[in-house]
Amino acid sequence: MNHKHHLLPKYKGGTDHSSNLIEVSVTQHAMFHFCNWQLWGDKRDWLAWKGLTGEIGKEAIIADLRRLGLEKAKTVKARNIALHGITLKQYQANKNNLAIGQHLANSLEAREKRKKTFSEKGYQKGEKNSMFGTMWITNGTLSGNKKIPKGSEIPEGFSPGRTEGKLPHSILKEEEKVSRKKSKRDLIQNRLSLLTQVDLTSYRWVKEASKLLGLSGTSTRAFVDKYYDGEVYKRASPTKTR
């Protein structure tokens, strides 16, 4: 059985492109990773080497990779702390300050300041506006809203403006909900009609109903408990509370 080996490991920027892949045997694959481990000292190559030679199992490899992920996260935090020359306590305080900063950025004062800045810079005004040089036309439907260059001839059946309302995907979503509810109701009614073929006073009714409904015994009992309200079933289940 041949394996595909990355000539340049992914952790070194290698890709899955065919130019970076080579077909090797299991033994060759193990040796490649051994050489990479000797060359770069990455624990992932050591794990691959040991895994391919059968010296460690898959579960042990996964556990080691998880530990490596945690160590990497700690290293990133340590690097950020060292980079900014701050203590761990200050690092935590800065994270809290970030949350406070986000709250302040959404304050009424901050929003007013942004409005003033946008006004001074002419944000979304004139040529900077995304609608500059265009106009909306519609044929009266939501899907018929279109943008065309200003001054262009309006196609037949269209008029200036835009039809307002729910977006098409919202309408489709509502239709899907209604359709799903209808399908569920139909399914319940169909199952209830099938239950009329089963003698619910029989001690084997669960097995017979399960086969008929295509459900497990537990699911069949749950369905009957929830939806079936027949007098026969009530008499057959004197301990059942309703």
Protein backbone atom coordinates (compact mmCIF):
# COMPACT_ATOMS: atom_id res chain seq x y z
CA MET A 1 0.00 0.00 0.00
CA ASN A 2 1.41 3.38 -1.01
CA HIS A 3 1.12 6.57 1.03
CA LYS A 4 1.28 10.20 -0.09
CA HIS A 5 3.96 12.24 1.68
CA HIS A 6 4.30 16.04 1.79
CA LEU A 7 7.83 16.96 0.71
CA LEU A 8 7.51 20.26 2.56
CA PRO A 9 5.43 19.71 5.73
CA LYS A 10 2.24 21.70 6.14
CA TYR A 11 3.61 23.29 9.33
CA LYS A 12 6.39 24.72 7.11
CA GLY A 13 3.93 26.14 4.59
CA GLY A 14 3.59 23.06 2.37
CA THR A 15 0.40 22.54 0.35
CA ASP A 16 -1.61 19.60 -1.02
CA HIS A 17 -0.51 20.46 -4.59
CA SER A 18 0.75 17.51 -6.63
CA SER A 19 4.20 19.15 -6.88
CA ASN A 20 4.52 18.83 -3.08
CA LEU A 21 3.31 15.21 -2.89
CA ILE A 22 5.21 11.99 -3.51
CA GLU A 23 4.06 8.38 -3.40
CA VAL A 24 6.04 6.26 -0.93
CA SER A 25 5.76 2.94 0.85
CA VAL A 26 4.88 2.76 4.54
CA THR A 27 8.54 2.18 5.47
CA GLN A 28 9.73 5.06 3.28
CA HIS A 29 7.00 7.30 4.75
CA ALA A 30 8.18 6.49 8.28
CA MET A 31 11.80 7.27 7.35
CA PHE A 32 10.83 10.59 5.75
CA HIS A 33 9.17 11.69 8.99
CA PHE A 34 12.14 10.44 11.02
CA CYS A 35 14.46 12.57 8.85
CA ASN A 36 12.15 15.59 9.17
CA TRP A 37 12.15 15.16 12.96
CA GLN A 38 15.95 15.01 12.98
CA LEU A 39 16.13 18.07 10.72
CA TRP A 40 13.50 20.35 12.27
CA GLY A 41 12.74 18.74 15.64
CA ASP A 42 8.97 19.01 15.30
CA LYS A 43 7.07 16.63 17.61
CA ARG A 44 4.46 15.99 14.89
CA ASP A 45 7.09 14.29 12.72
CA TRP A 46 8.15 12.16 15.70
CA LEU A 47 4.52 11.11 16.24
CA ALA A 48 4.09 10.30 12.54
CA TRP A 49 7.29 8.23 12.54
CA LYS A 50 6.29 6.26 15.65
CA GLY A 51 2.73 5.81 14.39
CA LEU A 52 3.82 4.50 10.98
CA THR A 53 6.24 2.02 12.56
CA GLY A 54 3.47 0.83 14.88
CA GLU A 55 5.31 1.77 18.08
CA ILE A 56 2.45 3.95 19.35
CA GLY A 57 -1.29 3.74 18.75
CA LYS A 58 -3.72 6.20 17.22
CA GLU A 59 -5.24 7.17 20.60
CA ALA A 60 -1.82 8.06 22.02
CA ILE A 61 -1.04 10.17 18.93
CA ILE A 62 -4.35 12.07 19.23
CA ALA A 63 -3.73 12.70 22.95
CA ASP A 64 -0.22 14.03 22.22
CA LEU A 65 -1.50 16.28 19.43
CA ARG A 66 -4.11 17.73 21.79
CA ARG A 67 -1.40 18.47 24.35
CA LEU A 68 0.66 20.12 21.62
CA GLY A 69 -2.31 22.34 20.76
CA LEU A 70 -2.61 23.47 24.39
CA GLU A 71 1.12 24.14 24.62
CA LYS A 72 0.94 26.21 21.43
CA ALA A 73 -1.89 28.31 22.89
CA LYS A 74 0.17 28.94 26.04
CA THR A 75 3.18 29.87 23.91
CA VAL A 76 1.13 32.43 21.94
CA LYS A 77 -0.05 34.02 25.18
CA ALA A 78 3.51 34.06 26.54
CA ARG A 79 4.80 35.59 23.29
CA ASN A 80 2.18 38.36 23.45
CA ILE A 81 3.11 39.10 27.06
CA ALA A 82 6.83 39.19 26.25
CA LEU A 83 6.28 41.29 23.12
CA HIS A 84 4.44 44.03 25.00
CA GLY A 85 6.65 43.79 28.11
CA ILE A 86 3.74 43.30 30.51
CA THR A 87 2.94 40.90 33.34
CA LEU A 88 0.29 38.17 33.21
CA LYS A 89 -1.92 40.29 35.51
CA GLN A 90 -1.64 43.25 33.11
CA TYR A 91 -2.39 40.92 30.19
CA GLN A 92 -5.65 39.83 31.84
CA ALA A 93 -6.48 43.46 32.65
CA ASN A 94 -5.94 44.40 28.99
CA LYS A 95 -8.40 41.68 27.91
CA ASN A 96 -10.97 43.17 30.30
CA ASN A 97 -10.20 46.65 28.98
CA LEU A 98 -10.89 45.40 25.45
CA ALA A 99 -14.42 44.40 26.48
CA ILE A 100 -14.87 47.81 28.14
CA GLY A 101 -13.57 49.50 24.99
CA GLN A 102 -16.08 47.65 22.83
CA HIS A 103 -18.86 48.77 25.16
CA LEU A 104 -17.69 52.41 24.99
CA ALA A 105 -17.44 52.24 21.19
CA ASN A 106 -21.17 51.54 21.06
CA SER A 107 -22.12 54.33 23.43
CA LEU A 108 -24.34 57.24 22.30
CA GLU A 109 -21.41 59.68 22.52
CA ALA A 110 -19.18 57.46 20.36
CA ARG A 111 -21.93 57.03 17.74
CA GLU A 112 -22.49 60.78 17.55
CA LYS A 113 -18.74 61.32 17.14
CA ARG A 114 -18.66 58.80 14.26
CA LYS A 115 -21.59 60.55 12.59
CA LYS A 116 -19.75 63.87 12.80
CA THR A 117 -16.54 62.35 11.39
CA PHE A 118 -18.42 60.67 8.53
CA SER A 119 -20.15 63.96 7.76
CA GLU A 120 -16.84 65.87 7.64
CA LYS A 121 -15.23 63.26 5.39
CA GLY A 122 -18.29 63.00 3.12
CA TYR A 123 -18.72 59.31 3.83
CA GLN A 124 -21.18 57.68 1.38
CA LYS A 125 -21.79 61.05 -0.28
CA GLY A 126 -21.45 61.94 -3.96
CA GLU A 127 -19.12 59.61 -5.84
CA LYS A 128 -18.28 57.84 -2.58
CA ASN A 129 -21.84 56.55 -2.35
CA SER A 130 -22.29 52.92 -3.45
CA MET A 131 -25.44 53.98 -5.36
CA PHE A 132 -23.68 56.81 -7.23
CA GLY A 133 -24.61 56.80 -10.92
CA THR A 134 -27.20 54.04 -10.54
CA MET A 135 -30.92 53.74 -9.92
CA TRP A 136 -33.37 51.05 -8.82
CA ILE A 137 -36.04 49.64 -11.10
CA THR A 138 -38.64 46.97 -10.37
CA ASN A 139 -41.27 44.87 -12.10
CA GLY A 140 -43.39 44.81 -8.95
CA THR A 141 -41.88 41.67 -7.43
CA LEU A 142 -39.11 41.25 -4.86
CA SER A 143 -37.00 39.22 -7.27
CA GLY A 144 -37.56 41.91 -9.93
CA ASN A 145 -35.55 44.63 -8.11
CA LYS A 146 -32.55 45.65 -10.21
CA LYS A 147 -29.91 48.39 -10.29
CA ILE A 148 -29.14 50.02 -13.63
CA PRO A 149 -26.96 53.02 -14.62
CA LYS A 150 -28.78 56.35 -14.37
CA GLY A 151 -30.06 57.58 -17.71
CA SER A 152 -30.36 54.06 -19.11
CA GLU A 153 -33.55 53.06 -20.88
CA ILE A 154 -35.96 51.31 -18.48
CA PRO A 155 -36.92 47.89 -19.88
CA GLU A 156 -40.55 47.15 -20.70
CA GLY A 157 -42.51 45.95 -17.67
CA PHE A 158 -40.25 47.79 -15.22
CA SER A 159 -40.67 51.12 -13.44
CA PRO A 160 -38.37 53.32 -11.32
CA GLY A 161 -38.20 52.39 -7.64
CA ARG A 162 -37.88 49.25 -5.59
CA THR A 163 -40.44 46.78 -4.24
CA GLU A 164 -40.15 46.60 -0.46
CA GLY A 165 -40.90 43.56 1.65
CA LYS A 166 -39.34 40.38 2.91
CA LEU A 167 -36.30 39.11 1.08
CA PRO A 168 -36.93 36.08 -1.13
CA HIS A 169 -34.85 33.80 1.12
CA SER A 170 -36.99 34.85 4.10
CA ILE A 171 -40.15 33.97 2.20
CA LEU A 172 -38.68 30.63 1.17
CA LYS A 173 -37.73 29.99 4.79
CA GLU A 174 -41.32 30.62 5.90
CA GLU A 175 -42.62 28.36 3.12
CA GLU A 176 -40.19 25.63 4.19
CA LYS A 177 -41.43 25.89 7.79
CA VAL A 178 -45.07 25.58 6.68
CA SER A 179 -44.15 22.68 4.39
CA ARG A 180 -42.28 20.88 7.19
CA LYS A 181 -45.22 21.34 9.59
CA LYS A 182 -47.64 20.00 6.95
CA SER A 183 -45.36 17.02 6.25
CA LYS A 184 -45.14 16.26 9.96
CA ARG A 185 -48.93 16.42 10.34
CA ASP A 186 -49.37 14.11 7.34
CA LEU A 187 -46.82 11.67 8.77
CA ILE A 188 -48.57 11.61 12.15
CA GLN A 189 -51.97 11.05 10.54
CA ASN A 190 -50.55 8.27 8.38
CA ARG A 191 -49.02 6.52 11.39
CA LEU A 192 -52.24 6.88 13.39
CA SER A 193 -54.21 5.29 10.55
CA LEU A 194 -51.70 2.40 10.48
CA LEU A 195 -52.15 1.90 14.22
CA THR A 196 -55.80 0.98 13.62
CA GLN A 197 -54.51 -2.26 12.10
CA VAL A 198 -52.85 -3.25 15.39
CA ASP A 199 -54.60 -4.83 18.37
CA LEU A 200 -53.31 -2.61 21.19
CA THR A 201 -54.73 -4.97 23.82
CA SER A 202 -52.28 -7.68 22.69
CA TYR A 203 -49.08 -8.14 24.70
CA ARG A 204 -47.21 -8.16 21.35
CA TRP A 205 -48.62 -4.85 20.14
CA VAL A 206 -45.31 -3.01 20.44
CA LYS A 207 -43.53 -5.49 18.17
CA GLU A 208 -46.35 -5.47 15.61
CA ALA A 209 -46.70 -1.67 15.64
CA SER A 210 -42.93 -1.17 15.37
CA LYS A 211 -42.77 -3.34 12.27
CA LEU A 212 -45.75 -1.53 10.73
CA LEU A 213 -44.51 2.01 11.52
CA GLY A 214 -40.86 1.31 10.78
CA LEU A 215 -39.79 2.53 14.23
CA SER A 216 -37.91 1.05 17.17
CA GLY A 217 -39.89 -0.25 20.12
CA THR A 218 -38.96 2.78 22.25
CA SER A 219 -39.93 5.21 19.48
CA THR A 220 -43.21 3.39 18.91
CA ARG A 221 -44.13 3.61 22.60
CA ALA A 222 -43.18 7.31 22.65
CA PHE A 223 -45.30 8.01 19.55
CA VAL A 224 -48.33 6.22 20.96
CA ASP A 225 -47.93 7.97 24.32
CA LYS A 226 -47.79 11.36 22.65
CA TYR A 227 -50.32 11.13 19.81
CA TYR A 228 -52.65 8.14 20.24
CA ASP A 229 -55.79 8.83 22.24
CA GLY A 230 -57.81 5.69 21.55
CA GLU A 231 -60.14 4.23 24.19
CA VAL A 232 -58.77 0.74 23.49
CA TYR A 233 -55.27 1.87 24.28
CA LYS A 234 -56.46 3.49 27.50
CA ARG A 235 -58.13 0.27 28.60
CA ALA A 236 -55.05 -1.73 27.63
CA SER A 237 -52.84 0.57 29.75
CA PRO A 238 -54.58 0.91 33.16
CA THR A 239 -51.41 2.25 34.80
CA LYS A 240 -51.00 5.00 32.18
CA THR A 241 -51.85 8.47 33.45
CA ARG A 242 -53.35 11.06 31.13
